[in-house]
Amino acid sequence: MYFKWHCLLLLFFPLWAQAESEILTSLIAKPDTCVALREGRNCYTDVILTWQQPKIGNYCLRNATTKYIMQCWLKQRTGSFNYSFDSATSITFEIYDSNTSKVLSSAEVKLQWVYQNRQIKRRWRLF
């Protein structure tokens, strides 16, 4: 009986450990959607970016497109950052290990519009 449980534990432990590390490696943006009135206009909201890692380390938060570093944490496992979102496009954020420059997780703040621009731009001609 002991042998069976021991074998089962050895078989499933690597899968369980991998799933646990994936759950702990996270970057979450709340809210993850910003709603603007009209398409093409800037959207404004306060976004809270929280992250969690399985190991204590040196981590940085940056804009994925511009690679602009927003904040770094030394010898931490978790962190939070308040961001004033002001954009006409969606923005993706990344948390990465500053020692290895490896991207560990990402989160996107998407844009939605209440009204889409459906007007056809016409050029007036005299002839």
N, C-alpha and C. Protein backbone atom coordinates (compact mmCIF):
# COMPACT_ATOMS: atom_id res chain seq x y z
N MET A 1 0.83 -1.19 0.00
CA MET A 1 0.00 0.00 0.00
C MET A 1 0.88 1.26 0.00
N TYR A 2 1.87 1.29 0.86
CA TYR A 2 2.78 2.44 0.94
C TYR A 2 3.51 2.62 -0.39
N PHE A 3 3.90 1.49 -0.98
CA PHE A 3 4.64 1.53 -2.24
C PHE A 3 3.80 2.16 -3.36
N LYS A 4 2.51 1.82 -3.42
CA LYS A 4 1.63 2.37 -4.47
C LYS A 4 1.50 3.89 -4.34
N TRP A 5 1.25 4.37 -3.12
CA TRP A 5 1.10 5.81 -2.91
C TRP A 5 2.40 6.55 -3.20
N HIS A 6 3.50 5.92 -2.80
CA HIS A 6 4.80 6.54 -3.04
C HIS A 6 5.06 6.68 -4.53
N CYS A 7 4.74 5.64 -5.31
CA CYS A 7 4.94 5.69 -6.76
C CYS A 7 4.02 6.73 -7.41
N LEU A 8 2.77 6.78 -6.97
CA LEU A 8 1.85 7.77 -7.51
C LEU A 8 2.33 9.19 -7.22
N LEU A 9 2.82 9.39 -6.01
CA LEU A 9 3.33 10.71 -5.63
C LEU A 9 4.52 11.09 -6.50
N LEU A 10 5.43 10.17 -6.75
CA LEU A 10 6.58 10.45 -7.59
C LEU A 10 6.19 10.71 -9.04
N LEU A 11 5.12 10.06 -9.51
CA LEU A 11 4.67 10.27 -10.87
C LEU A 11 4.04 11.64 -11.07
N PHE A 12 3.22 12.09 -10.12
CA PHE A 12 2.47 13.32 -10.29
C PHE A 12 3.11 14.55 -9.68
N PHE A 13 4.15 14.39 -8.87
CA PHE A 13 4.78 15.54 -8.24
C PHE A 13 5.35 16.53 -9.25
N PRO A 14 6.05 16.08 -10.31
CA PRO A 14 6.56 17.07 -11.28
C PRO A 14 5.44 17.88 -11.94
N LEU A 15 4.32 17.24 -12.25
CA LEU A 15 3.20 17.96 -12.86
C LEU A 15 2.61 18.96 -11.87
N TRP A 16 2.46 18.58 -10.62
CA TRP A 16 1.91 19.46 -9.60
C TRP A 16 2.84 20.65 -9.35
N ALA A 17 4.14 20.38 -9.27
CA ALA A 17 5.10 21.46 -9.02
C ALA A 17 5.13 22.45 -10.17
N GLN A 18 5.03 21.95 -11.41
CA GLN A 18 5.01 22.84 -12.56
C GLN A 18 3.75 23.69 -12.57
N ALA A 19 2.61 23.09 -12.29
CA ALA A 19 1.35 23.84 -12.26
C ALA A 19 1.37 24.90 -11.17
N GLU A 20 1.95 24.58 -10.01
CA GLU A 20 2.00 25.53 -8.91
C GLU A 20 2.89 26.72 -9.26
N SER A 21 4.02 26.47 -9.92
CA SER A 21 4.91 27.59 -10.27
C SER A 21 4.28 28.47 -11.34
N GLU A 22 3.46 27.88 -12.25
CA GLU A 22 2.79 28.68 -13.26
C GLU A 22 1.73 29.56 -12.63
N ILE A 23 1.05 29.06 -11.60
CA ILE A 23 0.03 29.85 -10.92
C ILE A 23 0.68 31.00 -10.17
N LEU A 24 1.81 30.76 -9.55
CA LEU A 24 2.47 31.80 -8.76
C LEU A 24 3.15 32.84 -9.63
N THR A 25 3.52 32.47 -10.86
CA THR A 25 4.16 33.42 -11.75
C THR A 25 3.06 34.17 -12.49
N SER A 26 2.73 35.36 -11.97
CA SER A 26 1.62 36.07 -12.59
C SER A 26 1.78 37.58 -12.50
N LEU A 27 1.18 38.25 -13.47
CA LEU A 27 1.04 39.70 -13.49
C LEU A 27 -0.42 39.96 -13.84
N ILE A 28 -1.10 40.72 -12.99
CA ILE A 28 -2.53 40.97 -13.17
C ILE A 28 -2.77 42.46 -13.23
N ALA A 29 -3.55 42.88 -14.21
CA ALA A 29 -3.95 44.28 -14.36
C ALA A 29 -5.44 44.39 -14.05
N LYS A 30 -5.77 45.29 -13.12
CA LYS A 30 -7.18 45.52 -12.78
C LYS A 30 -7.47 47.01 -12.82
N PRO A 31 -8.40 47.46 -13.59
CA PRO A 31 -9.20 46.71 -14.56
C PRO A 31 -8.37 46.36 -15.80
N ASP A 32 -8.77 45.33 -16.52
CA ASP A 32 -8.02 44.92 -17.71
C ASP A 32 -8.62 45.49 -18.99
N THR A 33 -9.68 46.29 -18.85
CA THR A 33 -10.32 46.92 -20.00
C THR A 33 -10.62 48.38 -19.66
N CYS A 34 -10.35 49.26 -20.60
CA CYS A 34 -10.65 50.67 -20.44
C CYS A 34 -11.67 51.04 -21.53
N VAL A 35 -12.73 51.73 -21.13
CA VAL A 35 -13.80 52.07 -22.06
C VAL A 35 -13.79 53.57 -22.33
N ALA A 36 -13.63 53.92 -23.60
CA ALA A 36 -13.68 55.32 -24.04
C ALA A 36 -15.00 55.56 -24.77
N LEU A 37 -15.40 56.81 -24.86
CA LEU A 37 -16.68 57.12 -25.49
C LEU A 37 -16.66 56.88 -26.99
N ARG A 38 -15.64 57.41 -27.67
CA ARG A 38 -15.56 57.27 -29.13
C ARG A 38 -14.25 56.61 -29.54
N GLU A 39 -14.31 55.88 -30.65
CA GLU A 39 -13.13 55.22 -31.19
C GLU A 39 -12.08 56.25 -31.58
N GLY A 40 -10.84 55.97 -31.22
CA GLY A 40 -9.73 56.86 -31.54
C GLY A 40 -9.41 57.87 -30.45
N ARG A 41 -10.30 58.02 -29.49
CA ARG A 41 -10.05 58.94 -28.37
C ARG A 41 -9.27 58.24 -27.28
N ASN A 42 -8.56 59.03 -26.48
CA ASN A 42 -7.82 58.46 -25.36
C ASN A 42 -8.78 57.96 -24.29
N CYS A 43 -8.36 56.92 -23.62
CA CYS A 43 -9.12 56.35 -22.52
C CYS A 43 -8.32 56.63 -21.24
N TYR A 44 -9.03 56.99 -20.18
CA TYR A 44 -8.38 57.35 -18.93
C TYR A 44 -8.93 56.47 -17.80
N THR A 45 -8.03 55.84 -17.06
CA THR A 45 -8.41 55.06 -15.88
C THR A 45 -7.17 54.81 -15.03
N ASP A 46 -7.39 54.45 -13.80
CA ASP A 46 -6.30 54.06 -12.91
C ASP A 46 -6.22 52.54 -12.88
N VAL A 47 -5.08 52.00 -13.27
CA VAL A 47 -4.87 50.55 -13.33
C VAL A 47 -3.94 50.14 -12.21
N ILE A 48 -4.29 49.08 -11.51
CA ILE A 48 -3.42 48.51 -10.47
C ILE A 48 -2.79 47.25 -11.04
N LEU A 49 -1.47 47.27 -11.16
CA LEU A 49 -0.71 46.12 -11.65
C LEU A 49 -0.10 45.40 -10.45
N THR A 50 -0.49 44.15 -10.24
CA THR A 50 0.06 43.36 -9.13
C THR A 50 0.74 42.13 -9.72
N TRP A 51 1.83 41.75 -9.10
CA TRP A 51 2.57 40.59 -9.57
C TRP A 51 2.98 39.72 -8.39
N GLN A 52 3.25 38.46 -8.69
CA GLN A 52 3.66 37.48 -7.68
C GLN A 52 4.58 36.46 -8.34
N GLN A 53 5.66 36.13 -7.69
CA GLN A 53 6.62 35.17 -8.20
C GLN A 53 6.88 34.09 -7.15
N PRO A 54 7.28 32.89 -7.57
CA PRO A 54 7.51 31.83 -6.59
C PRO A 54 8.79 32.02 -5.76
N LYS A 55 9.75 32.78 -6.28
CA LYS A 55 11.03 32.95 -5.57
C LYS A 55 11.31 34.43 -5.34
N ILE A 56 12.01 34.72 -4.26
CA ILE A 56 12.47 36.08 -3.99
C ILE A 56 13.55 36.43 -5.01
N GLY A 57 13.45 37.64 -5.58
CA GLY A 57 14.43 38.05 -6.58
C GLY A 57 14.30 39.52 -6.90
N ASN A 58 15.00 39.92 -7.95
CA ASN A 58 14.98 41.30 -8.43
C ASN A 58 14.13 41.34 -9.70
N TYR A 59 13.00 42.05 -9.63
CA TYR A 59 12.05 42.08 -10.73
C TYR A 59 11.73 43.50 -11.13
N CYS A 60 11.42 43.68 -12.42
CA CYS A 60 11.04 45.00 -12.93
C CYS A 60 9.77 44.89 -13.75
N LEU A 61 9.00 45.98 -13.72
CA LEU A 61 7.77 46.11 -14.49
C LEU A 61 8.04 47.10 -15.61
N ARG A 62 7.64 46.74 -16.84
CA ARG A 62 7.87 47.63 -17.97
C ARG A 62 6.73 47.55 -18.98
N ASN A 63 6.69 48.58 -19.84
CA ASN A 63 5.78 48.61 -20.97
C ASN A 63 6.36 47.68 -22.02
N ALA A 64 5.59 46.73 -22.51
CA ALA A 64 6.12 45.72 -23.45
C ALA A 64 6.47 46.31 -24.81
N THR A 65 5.78 47.34 -25.23
CA THR A 65 6.04 47.93 -26.55
C THR A 65 7.25 48.85 -26.54
N THR A 66 7.27 49.78 -25.60
CA THR A 66 8.36 50.76 -25.57
C THR A 66 9.56 50.32 -24.74
N LYS A 67 9.38 49.26 -23.95
CA LYS A 67 10.42 48.74 -23.04
C LYS A 67 10.78 49.75 -21.94
N TYR A 68 9.88 50.70 -21.70
CA TYR A 68 10.09 51.69 -20.64
C TYR A 68 9.90 51.02 -19.28
N ILE A 69 10.92 51.10 -18.42
CA ILE A 69 10.86 50.48 -17.09
C ILE A 69 10.09 51.41 -16.17
N MET A 70 9.01 50.90 -15.60
CA MET A 70 8.15 51.70 -14.75
C MET A 70 8.56 51.63 -13.28
N GLN A 71 8.96 50.44 -12.83
CA GLN A 71 9.43 50.29 -11.44
C GLN A 71 10.16 48.96 -11.30
N CYS A 72 11.12 48.94 -10.37
CA CYS A 72 11.84 47.71 -10.05
C CYS A 72 11.74 47.43 -8.55
N TRP A 73 11.80 46.17 -8.19
CA TRP A 73 11.79 45.74 -6.80
C TRP A 73 12.99 44.84 -6.56
N LEU A 74 13.71 45.07 -5.45
CA LEU A 74 14.87 44.27 -5.10
C LEU A 74 14.51 43.32 -3.97
N LYS A 75 14.91 42.06 -4.13
CA LYS A 75 14.71 41.02 -3.12
C LYS A 75 13.25 40.96 -2.67
N GLN A 76 12.34 40.87 -3.64
CA GLN A 76 10.91 40.79 -3.37
C GLN A 76 10.31 39.58 -4.07
N ARG A 77 9.14 39.17 -3.60
CA ARG A 77 8.39 38.09 -4.23
C ARG A 77 7.06 38.57 -4.79
N THR A 78 6.59 39.69 -4.29
CA THR A 78 5.34 40.28 -4.76
C THR A 78 5.49 41.80 -4.86
N GLY A 79 4.60 42.40 -5.60
CA GLY A 79 4.63 43.85 -5.71
C GLY A 79 3.37 44.39 -6.35
N SER A 80 3.21 45.69 -6.24
CA SER A 80 2.03 46.36 -6.78
C SER A 80 2.45 47.73 -7.31
N PHE A 81 1.79 48.17 -8.37
CA PHE A 81 2.10 49.46 -8.98
C PHE A 81 0.81 50.10 -9.48
N ASN A 82 0.59 51.35 -9.13
CA ASN A 82 -0.58 52.10 -9.61
C ASN A 82 -0.18 52.88 -10.85
N TYR A 83 -0.93 52.68 -11.93
CA TYR A 83 -0.60 53.29 -13.22
C TYR A 83 -1.79 54.11 -13.71
N SER A 84 -1.53 55.35 -14.09
CA SER A 84 -2.58 56.20 -14.67
C SER A 84 -2.62 55.96 -16.17
N PHE A 85 -3.57 55.16 -16.59
CA PHE A 85 -3.71 54.78 -18.00
C PHE A 85 -4.28 55.96 -18.78
N ASP A 86 -3.58 56.35 -19.86
CA ASP A 86 -3.99 57.45 -20.72
C ASP A 86 -3.50 57.10 -22.12
N SER A 87 -4.34 56.41 -22.89
CA SER A 87 -3.89 55.93 -24.19
C SER A 87 -5.07 55.73 -25.14
N ALA A 88 -4.78 55.78 -26.44
CA ALA A 88 -5.79 55.50 -27.46
C ALA A 88 -5.64 54.09 -28.01
N THR A 89 -4.65 53.35 -27.49
CA THR A 89 -4.43 51.96 -27.91
C THR A 89 -4.26 51.07 -26.68
N SER A 90 -4.40 49.77 -26.88
CA SER A 90 -4.16 48.81 -25.81
C SER A 90 -2.68 48.79 -25.45
N ILE A 91 -2.40 48.52 -24.18
CA ILE A 91 -1.01 48.48 -23.72
C ILE A 91 -0.76 47.16 -23.00
N THR A 92 0.37 46.54 -23.30
CA THR A 92 0.79 45.30 -22.64
C THR A 92 1.93 45.62 -21.69
N PHE A 93 1.85 45.07 -20.49
CA PHE A 93 2.89 45.24 -19.47
C PHE A 93 3.56 43.91 -19.22
N GLU A 94 4.85 43.96 -18.84
CA GLU A 94 5.63 42.75 -18.57
C GLU A 94 6.32 42.85 -17.22
N ILE A 95 6.44 41.72 -16.55
CA ILE A 95 7.28 41.63 -15.36
C ILE A 95 8.45 40.72 -15.78
N TYR A 96 9.67 41.18 -15.50
CA TYR A 96 10.82 40.39 -15.91
C TYR A 96 11.87 40.36 -14.80
N ASP A 97 12.71 39.35 -14.85
CA ASP A 97 13.80 39.18 -13.90
C ASP A 97 14.93 40.11 -14.34
N SER A 98 15.30 41.06 -13.50
CA SER A 98 16.32 42.04 -13.90
C SER A 98 17.72 41.44 -13.95
N ASN A 99 17.93 40.28 -13.34
CA ASN A 99 19.24 39.64 -13.40
C ASN A 99 19.45 38.92 -14.73
N THR A 100 18.40 38.25 -15.23
CA THR A 100 18.52 37.46 -16.45
C THR A 100 17.84 38.12 -17.65
N SER A 101 17.07 39.18 -17.44
CA SER A 101 16.28 39.87 -18.47
C SER A 101 15.23 38.97 -19.11
N LYS A 102 14.85 37.91 -18.41
CA LYS A 102 13.84 36.98 -18.91
C LYS A 102 12.45 37.47 -18.53
N VAL A 103 11.55 37.57 -19.52
CA VAL A 103 10.17 37.98 -19.27
C VAL A 103 9.44 36.82 -18.61
N LEU A 104 8.84 37.08 -17.45
CA LEU A 104 8.19 36.03 -16.68
C LEU A 104 6.68 35.99 -16.88
N SER A 105 6.09 37.15 -17.07
CA SER A 105 4.64 37.21 -17.23
C SER A 105 4.25 38.54 -17.87
N SER A 106 3.05 38.56 -18.46
CA SER A 106 2.57 39.80 -19.07
C SER A 106 1.07 39.94 -18.85
N ALA A 107 0.60 41.17 -18.94
CA ALA A 107 -0.83 41.48 -18.82
C ALA A 107 -1.14 42.63 -19.76
N GLU A 108 -2.34 42.61 -20.33
CA GLU A 108 -2.73 43.63 -21.28
C GLU A 108 -3.95 44.39 -20.78
N VAL A 109 -3.92 45.71 -20.96
CA VAL A 109 -5.09 46.54 -20.72
C VAL A 109 -5.65 46.88 -22.09
N LYS A 110 -6.84 46.36 -22.38
CA LYS A 110 -7.45 46.51 -23.69
C LYS A 110 -8.36 47.73 -23.72
N LEU A 111 -8.56 48.25 -24.93
CA LEU A 111 -9.45 49.38 -25.12
C LEU A 111 -10.76 48.93 -25.76
N GLN A 112 -11.85 49.53 -25.32
CA GLN A 112 -13.15 49.34 -25.94
C GLN A 112 -13.80 50.70 -26.09
N TRP A 113 -14.69 50.81 -27.07
CA TRP A 113 -15.37 52.07 -27.32
C TRP A 113 -16.87 51.88 -27.21
N VAL A 114 -17.56 52.91 -26.75
CA VAL A 114 -19.01 52.89 -26.71
C VAL A 114 -19.55 53.11 -28.12
N TYR A 115 -18.96 54.07 -28.85
CA TYR A 115 -19.38 54.38 -30.22
C TYR A 115 -18.18 54.24 -31.15
N GLN A 116 -18.37 53.48 -32.22
CA GLN A 116 -17.31 53.36 -33.22
C GLN A 116 -17.53 54.41 -34.30
N ASN A 117 -16.43 54.89 -34.86
CA ASN A 117 -16.52 55.87 -35.95
C ASN A 117 -16.96 55.16 -37.22
N ARG A 118 -18.12 55.50 -37.69
CA ARG A 118 -18.64 54.89 -38.92
C ARG A 118 -18.85 55.93 -40.01
N GLN A 119 -18.41 57.11 -39.76
CA GLN A 119 -18.59 58.17 -40.75
C GLN A 119 -17.61 57.98 -41.90
N ILE A 120 -18.13 58.17 -43.08
CA ILE A 120 -17.28 58.09 -44.27
C ILE A 120 -16.81 59.50 -44.58
N LYS A 121 -15.53 59.66 -44.69
CA LYS A 121 -14.99 60.98 -45.00
C LYS A 121 -15.15 61.22 -46.50
N ARG A 122 -15.83 62.29 -46.82
CA ARG A 122 -16.09 62.62 -48.23
C ARG A 122 -15.25 63.82 -48.64
N ARG A 123 -14.78 63.78 -49.82
CA ARG A 123 -14.06 64.92 -50.39
C ARG A 123 -14.99 65.62 -51.35
N TRP A 124 -15.16 66.87 -51.13
CA TRP A 124 -16.06 67.63 -51.99
C TRP A 124 -15.32 68.10 -53.23
N ARG A 125 -16.04 68.01 -54.34
CA ARG A 125 -15.47 68.45 -55.63
C ARG A 125 -16.44 69.44 -56.25
N LEU A 126 -15.88 70.38 -56.93
CA LEU A 126 -16.69 71.34 -57.65
C LEU A 126 -17.09 70.85 -59.03
N PHE A 127 -16.28 69.98 -59.62
CA PHE A 127 -16.58 69.51 -60.96
C PHE A 127 -16.75 68.02 -60.96
